[in-house]
Amino acid sequence: MTPDWRVADENVSSKADRLQVSLFIPHNGWIEIAVTTEEEFKQAVSYTPNDFMDELVMAACLLMEGQEGLAVASCEPSGYEFRFCKEPDTGMSRLSVVGFPDVQRRKGEGTTVLTYRASAAQVVLPFWRALRNLEARVTAIDYREAMRREFPSAGLERLSQLLSK
């Protein structure tokens, strides 16, 4: 599948040591996400079997609450886990994107493709900006038609509240 992706968020920063997140306009059940630090991750994510966008928002909320969060991206046939966690040794937060050869995500088969360490807000804020930007550019009806799911507006509002504390 090679749709004509239209970007819904520009880079948050031009510095390589910063986390940059872009979400592209969804199309036919797919949404492309790009996450860049010193490494780069870019994949089209399917709307099925799980709601990746909702999981992403919830994982970010959990990190802001000091808990671990996980969002699973099905890229057919491969799968990726977006792991949000606190590092007990340093007190920093960590985003890890771990790739798997298929959506089964068997233990021991994952390979870390991207890691970023910073405060919880520094990890979450680029995702929040990309999500808010996407929400502003795509109507609820268009998102539902493209992704066959509702946009996670309620979760994003909760994330906004957590970031404002």
C-alpha atoms as a PDB file:
ATOM      1  CA  MET A   1       0.000   0.000   0.000  1.00  0.00           C
ATOM      2  CA  THR A   2       1.464   3.364  -1.004  1.00  0.00           C
ATOM      3  CA  PRO A   3      -1.090   6.090  -0.324  1.00  0.00           C
ATOM      4  CA  ASP A   4      -0.361   9.765  -0.828  1.00  0.00           C
ATOM      5  CA  TRP A   5       0.303  10.727   2.795  1.00  0.00           C
ATOM      6  CA  ARG A   6      -0.271  14.331   3.762  1.00  0.00           C
ATOM      7  CA  VAL A   7       1.614  15.426   6.849  1.00  0.00           C
ATOM      8  CA  ALA A   8      -0.458  16.588   9.812  1.00  0.00           C
ATOM      9  CA  ASP A   9       2.378  17.771  12.020  1.00  0.00           C
ATOM     10  CA  GLU A  10       5.717  19.373  11.384  1.00  0.00           C
ATOM     11  CA  ASN A  11       8.834  18.540  13.346  1.00  0.00           C
ATOM     12  CA  VAL A  12       8.789  19.761  16.911  1.00  0.00           C
ATOM     13  CA  SER A  13      12.470  20.694  16.814  1.00  0.00           C
ATOM     14  CA  SER A  14      15.322  20.531  14.374  1.00  0.00           C
ATOM     15  CA  LYS A  15      17.801  19.275  16.969  1.00  0.00           C
ATOM     16  CA  ALA A  16      18.759  15.601  16.706  1.00  0.00           C
ATOM     17  CA  ASP A  17      18.663  15.209  20.507  1.00  0.00           C
ATOM     18  CA  ARG A  18      15.000  16.195  20.640  1.00  0.00           C
ATOM     19  CA  LEU A  19      12.034  13.941  20.123  1.00  0.00           C
ATOM     20  CA  GLN A  20      10.064  14.725  16.968  1.00  0.00           C
ATOM     21  CA  VAL A  21       6.697  13.145  16.197  1.00  0.00           C
ATOM     22  CA  SER A  22       4.605  13.451  13.050  1.00  0.00           C
ATOM     23  CA  LEU A  23       1.229  11.916  12.330  1.00  0.00           C
ATOM     24  CA  PHE A  24      -0.015  11.857   8.785  1.00  0.00           C
ATOM     25  CA  ILE A  25      -3.590  12.164   7.547  1.00  0.00           C
ATOM     26  CA  PRO A  26      -5.219   8.698   7.802  1.00  0.00           C
ATOM     27  CA  HIS A  27      -6.259   6.926   4.637  1.00  0.00           C
ATOM     28  CA  ASN A  28      -8.099   3.633   4.046  1.00  0.00           C
ATOM     29  CA  GLY A  29      -7.534   2.289   7.571  1.00  0.00           C
ATOM     30  CA  TRP A  30      -3.876   3.333   7.782  1.00  0.00           C
ATOM     31  CA  ILE A  31      -2.116   6.175   9.574  1.00  0.00           C
ATOM     32  CA  GLU A  32       1.579   6.861   9.222  1.00  0.00           C
ATOM     33  CA  ILE A  33       3.645   7.852  12.228  1.00  0.00           C
ATOM     34  CA  ALA A  34       7.196   9.190  12.198  1.00  0.00           C
ATOM     35  CA  VAL A  35       9.235   9.386  15.396  1.00  0.00           C
ATOM     36  CA  THR A  36      12.714  10.841  15.212  1.00  0.00           C
ATOM     37  CA  THR A  37      15.518  11.305  17.722  1.00  0.00           C
ATOM     38  CA  GLU A  38      19.033  10.317  16.731  1.00  0.00           C
ATOM     39  CA  GLU A  39      17.279   7.293  15.217  1.00  0.00           C
ATOM     40  CA  GLU A  40      14.230   7.406  12.981  1.00  0.00           C
ATOM     41  CA  PHE A  41      11.103   5.269  12.992  1.00  0.00           C
ATOM     42  CA  LYS A  42       8.475   5.649  10.271  1.00  0.00           C
ATOM     43  CA  GLN A  43       5.682   3.164   9.584  1.00  0.00           C
ATOM     44  CA  ALA A  44       2.097   3.007   8.406  1.00  0.00           C
ATOM     45  CA  VAL A  45      -0.096   1.585  11.177  1.00  0.00           C
ATOM     46  CA  SER A  46      -3.302  -0.360  10.547  1.00  0.00           C
ATOM     47  CA  TYR A  47      -6.605   0.367  12.275  1.00  0.00           C
ATOM     48  CA  THR A  48      -6.898  -3.308  13.154  1.00  0.00           C
ATOM     49  CA  PRO A  49      -6.718  -5.473  15.272  1.00  0.00           C
ATOM     50  CA  ASN A  50      -6.398  -2.823  18.003  1.00  0.00           C
ATOM     51  CA  ASP A  51      -6.898   0.940  18.259  1.00  0.00           C
ATOM     52  CA  PHE A  52      -3.271   2.121  18.191  1.00  0.00           C
ATOM     53  CA  MET A  53      -4.154   5.809  18.459  1.00  0.00           C
ATOM     54  CA  ASP A  54      -6.250   5.265  21.586  1.00  0.00           C
ATOM     55  CA  GLU A  55      -3.530   3.079  23.086  1.00  0.00           C
ATOM     56  CA  LEU A  56      -0.933   5.750  22.292  1.00  0.00           C
ATOM     57  CA  VAL A  57      -2.913   8.430  24.120  1.00  0.00           C
ATOM     58  CA  MET A  58      -3.524   6.135  27.096  1.00  0.00           C
ATOM     59  CA  ALA A  59       0.157   5.107  27.261  1.00  0.00           C
ATOM     60  CA  ALA A  60       1.174   8.781  27.324  1.00  0.00           C
ATOM     61  CA  CYS A  61      -1.370   9.464  30.091  1.00  0.00           C
ATOM     62  CA  LEU A  62      -0.004   6.576  32.133  1.00  0.00           C
ATOM     63  CA  LEU A  63       3.558   7.871  31.813  1.00  0.00           C
ATOM     64  CA  MET A  64       2.428  11.311  33.007  1.00  0.00           C
ATOM     65  CA  GLU A  65       0.888   9.554  36.028  1.00  0.00           C
ATOM     66  CA  GLY A  66       4.177   7.775  36.766  1.00  0.00           C
ATOM     67  CA  GLN A  67       3.115   4.401  35.407  1.00  0.00           C
ATOM     68  CA  GLU A  68       4.179   2.274  32.453  1.00  0.00           C
ATOM     69  CA  GLY A  69       2.185   2.458  29.232  1.00  0.00           C
ATOM     70  CA  LEU A  70       2.145   0.391  26.053  1.00  0.00           C
ATOM     71  CA  ALA A  71       0.736   1.048  22.584  1.00  0.00           C
ATOM     72  CA  VAL A  72       0.856  -1.683  19.942  1.00  0.00           C
ATOM     73  CA  ALA A  73       1.198  -0.723  16.278  1.00  0.00           C
ATOM     74  CA  SER A  74       0.124  -3.340  13.739  1.00  0.00           C
ATOM     75  CA  CYS A  75       2.011  -2.674  10.513  1.00  0.00           C
ATOM     76  CA  GLU A  76       1.038  -5.923   8.757  1.00  0.00           C
ATOM     77  CA  PRO A  77       2.879  -8.180   8.912  1.00  0.00           C
ATOM     78  CA  SER A  78       5.260  -6.648  11.439  1.00  0.00           C
ATOM     79  CA  GLY A  79       4.284  -5.165  14.769  1.00  0.00           C
ATOM     80  CA  TYR A  80       5.793  -2.553  17.060  1.00  0.00           C
ATOM     81  CA  GLU A  81       5.448  -1.758  20.724  1.00  0.00           C
ATOM     82  CA  PHE A  82       5.689   1.826  21.909  1.00  0.00           C
ATOM     83  CA  ARG A  83       6.826   1.380  25.503  1.00  0.00           C
ATOM     84  CA  PHE A  84       6.584   4.342  27.872  1.00  0.00           C
ATOM     85  CA  CYS A  85       8.235   3.847  31.264  1.00  0.00           C
ATOM     86  CA  LYS A  86      10.121   5.430  34.138  1.00  0.00           C
ATOM     87  CA  GLU A  87      13.714   4.415  34.766  1.00  0.00           C
ATOM     88  CA  PRO A  88      14.030   3.799  38.516  1.00  0.00           C
ATOM     89  CA  ASP A  89      17.796   4.377  38.549  1.00  0.00           C
ATOM     90  CA  THR A  90      17.749   7.820  36.946  1.00  0.00           C
ATOM     91  CA  GLY A  91      14.197   9.050  37.516  1.00  0.00           C
ATOM     92  CA  MET A  92      14.021   9.783  33.798  1.00  0.00           C
ATOM     93  CA  SER A  93      11.313   8.550  31.482  1.00  0.00           C
ATOM     94  CA  ARG A  94      11.993   6.375  28.462  1.00  0.00           C
ATOM     95  CA  LEU A  95      10.246   5.768  25.179  1.00  0.00           C
ATOM     96  CA  SER A  96      11.295   2.567  23.426  1.00  0.00           C
ATOM     97  CA  VAL A  97       9.972   1.452  20.062  1.00  0.00           C
ATOM     98  CA  VAL A  98      10.457  -2.292  19.753  1.00  0.00           C
ATOM     99  CA  GLY A  99       9.913  -4.096  16.461  1.00  0.00           C
ATOM    100  CA  PHE A 100       8.635  -7.648  16.017  1.00  0.00           C
ATOM    101  CA  PRO A 101       8.523  -9.790  12.865  1.00  0.00           C
ATOM    102  CA  ASP A 102       4.753 -10.234  13.267  1.00  0.00           C
ATOM    103  CA  VAL A 103       1.879  -8.972  15.390  1.00  0.00           C
ATOM    104  CA  GLN A 104       2.187 -11.945  17.778  1.00  0.00           C
ATOM    105  CA  ARG A 105       5.090 -10.126  19.482  1.00  0.00           C
ATOM    106  CA  ARG A 106       6.705 -13.222  20.977  1.00  0.00           C
ATOM    107  CA  LYS A 107       9.007 -12.686  23.932  1.00  0.00           C
ATOM    108  CA  GLY A 108      12.649 -12.567  22.875  1.00  0.00           C
ATOM    109  CA  GLU A 109      11.906 -11.746  19.221  1.00  0.00           C
ATOM    110  CA  GLY A 110      11.753  -7.960  19.627  1.00  0.00           C
ATOM    111  CA  THR A 111      14.449  -5.563  18.481  1.00  0.00           C
ATOM    112  CA  THR A 112      14.662  -2.018  19.830  1.00  0.00           C
ATOM    113  CA  VAL A 113      14.600   0.379  16.882  1.00  0.00           C
ATOM    114  CA  LEU A 114      14.405   3.681  18.796  1.00  0.00           C
ATOM    115  CA  THR A 115      14.984   4.869  22.356  1.00  0.00           C
ATOM    116  CA  TYR A 116      14.569   8.315  23.876  1.00  0.00           C
ATOM    117  CA  ARG A 117      15.213   9.360  27.489  1.00  0.00           C
ATOM    118  CA  ALA A 118      14.002  12.608  29.055  1.00  0.00           C
ATOM    119  CA  SER A 119      11.475  13.869  31.593  1.00  0.00           C
ATOM    120  CA  ALA A 120       7.952  12.490  31.267  1.00  0.00           C
ATOM    121  CA  ALA A 121       6.704  15.786  29.830  1.00  0.00           C
ATOM    122  CA  GLN A 122       9.547  15.920  27.286  1.00  0.00           C
ATOM    123  CA  VAL A 123       8.665  12.402  26.119  1.00  0.00           C
ATOM    124  CA  VAL A 124       4.904  13.014  25.979  1.00  0.00           C
ATOM    125  CA  LEU A 125       4.661  16.588  24.684  1.00  0.00           C
ATOM    126  CA  PRO A 126       5.736  15.825  21.070  1.00  0.00           C
ATOM    127  CA  PHE A 127       3.060  13.102  20.870  1.00  0.00           C
ATOM    128  CA  TRP A 128       0.473  15.477  22.336  1.00  0.00           C
ATOM    129  CA  ARG A 129       1.360  18.164  19.772  1.00  0.00           C
ATOM    130  CA  ALA A 130       1.141  15.718  16.867  1.00  0.00           C
ATOM    131  CA  LEU A 131      -2.204  14.375  18.102  1.00  0.00           C
ATOM    132  CA  ARG A 132      -3.653  17.865  18.643  1.00  0.00           C
ATOM    133  CA  ASN A 133      -2.437  18.922  15.223  1.00  0.00           C
ATOM    134  CA  LEU A 134      -4.026  15.875  13.613  1.00  0.00           C
ATOM    135  CA  GLU A 135      -7.276  16.493  15.488  1.00  0.00           C
ATOM    136  CA  ALA A 136      -7.336  20.068  14.159  1.00  0.00           C
ATOM    137  CA  ARG A 137      -6.692  19.008  10.551  1.00  0.00           C
ATOM    138  CA  VAL A 138      -9.065  16.053  10.241  1.00  0.00           C
ATOM    139  CA  THR A 139     -12.777  16.253  11.001  1.00  0.00           C
ATOM    140  CA  ALA A 140     -14.245  13.620  13.299  1.00  0.00           C
ATOM    141  CA  ILE A 141     -16.270  12.238  10.382  1.00  0.00           C
ATOM    142  CA  ASP A 142     -13.239  12.027   8.076  1.00  0.00           C
ATOM    143  CA  TYR A 143     -11.163  10.353  10.788  1.00  0.00           C
ATOM    144  CA  ARG A 144     -13.914   7.802  11.483  1.00  0.00           C
ATOM    145  CA  GLU A 145     -14.267   7.048   7.778  1.00  0.00           C
ATOM    146  CA  ALA A 146     -10.514   6.680   7.296  1.00  0.00           C
ATOM    147  CA  MET A 147      -9.718   4.715  10.469  1.00  0.00           C
ATOM    148  CA  ARG A 148     -13.064   2.991  11.152  1.00  0.00           C
ATOM    149  CA  ARG A 149     -12.765   4.203  14.746  1.00  0.00           C
ATOM    150  CA  GLU A 150     -13.416   7.376  16.693  1.00  0.00           C
ATOM    151  CA  PHE A 151     -10.576   9.827  17.278  1.00  0.00           C
ATOM    152  CA  PRO A 152      -9.433   9.523  20.931  1.00  0.00           C
ATOM    153  CA  SER A 153     -10.576  13.046  21.853  1.00  0.00           C
ATOM    154  CA  ALA A 154     -11.537  12.241  25.449  1.00  0.00           C
ATOM    155  CA  GLY A 155      -8.175  10.634  26.150  1.00  0.00           C
ATOM    156  CA  LEU A 156      -6.381  13.528  24.499  1.00  0.00           C
ATOM    157  CA  GLU A 157      -8.277  15.966  26.728  1.00  0.00           C
ATOM    158  CA  ARG A 158      -7.178  13.942  29.759  1.00  0.00           C
ATOM    159  CA  LEU A 159      -3.587  14.071  28.505  1.00  0.00           C
ATOM    160  CA  SER A 160      -3.879  17.837  28.087  1.00  0.00           C
ATOM    161  CA  GLN A 161      -4.952  18.129  31.721  1.00  0.00           C
ATOM    162  CA  LEU A 162      -2.061  15.961  32.889  1.00  0.00           C
ATOM    163  CA  LEU A 163       0.445  18.053  30.940  1.00  0.00           C
ATOM    164  CA  SER A 164      -0.927  21.298  32.377  1.00  0.00           C
ATOM    165  CA  LYS A 165      -0.253  20.210  35.993  1.00  0.00           C
END
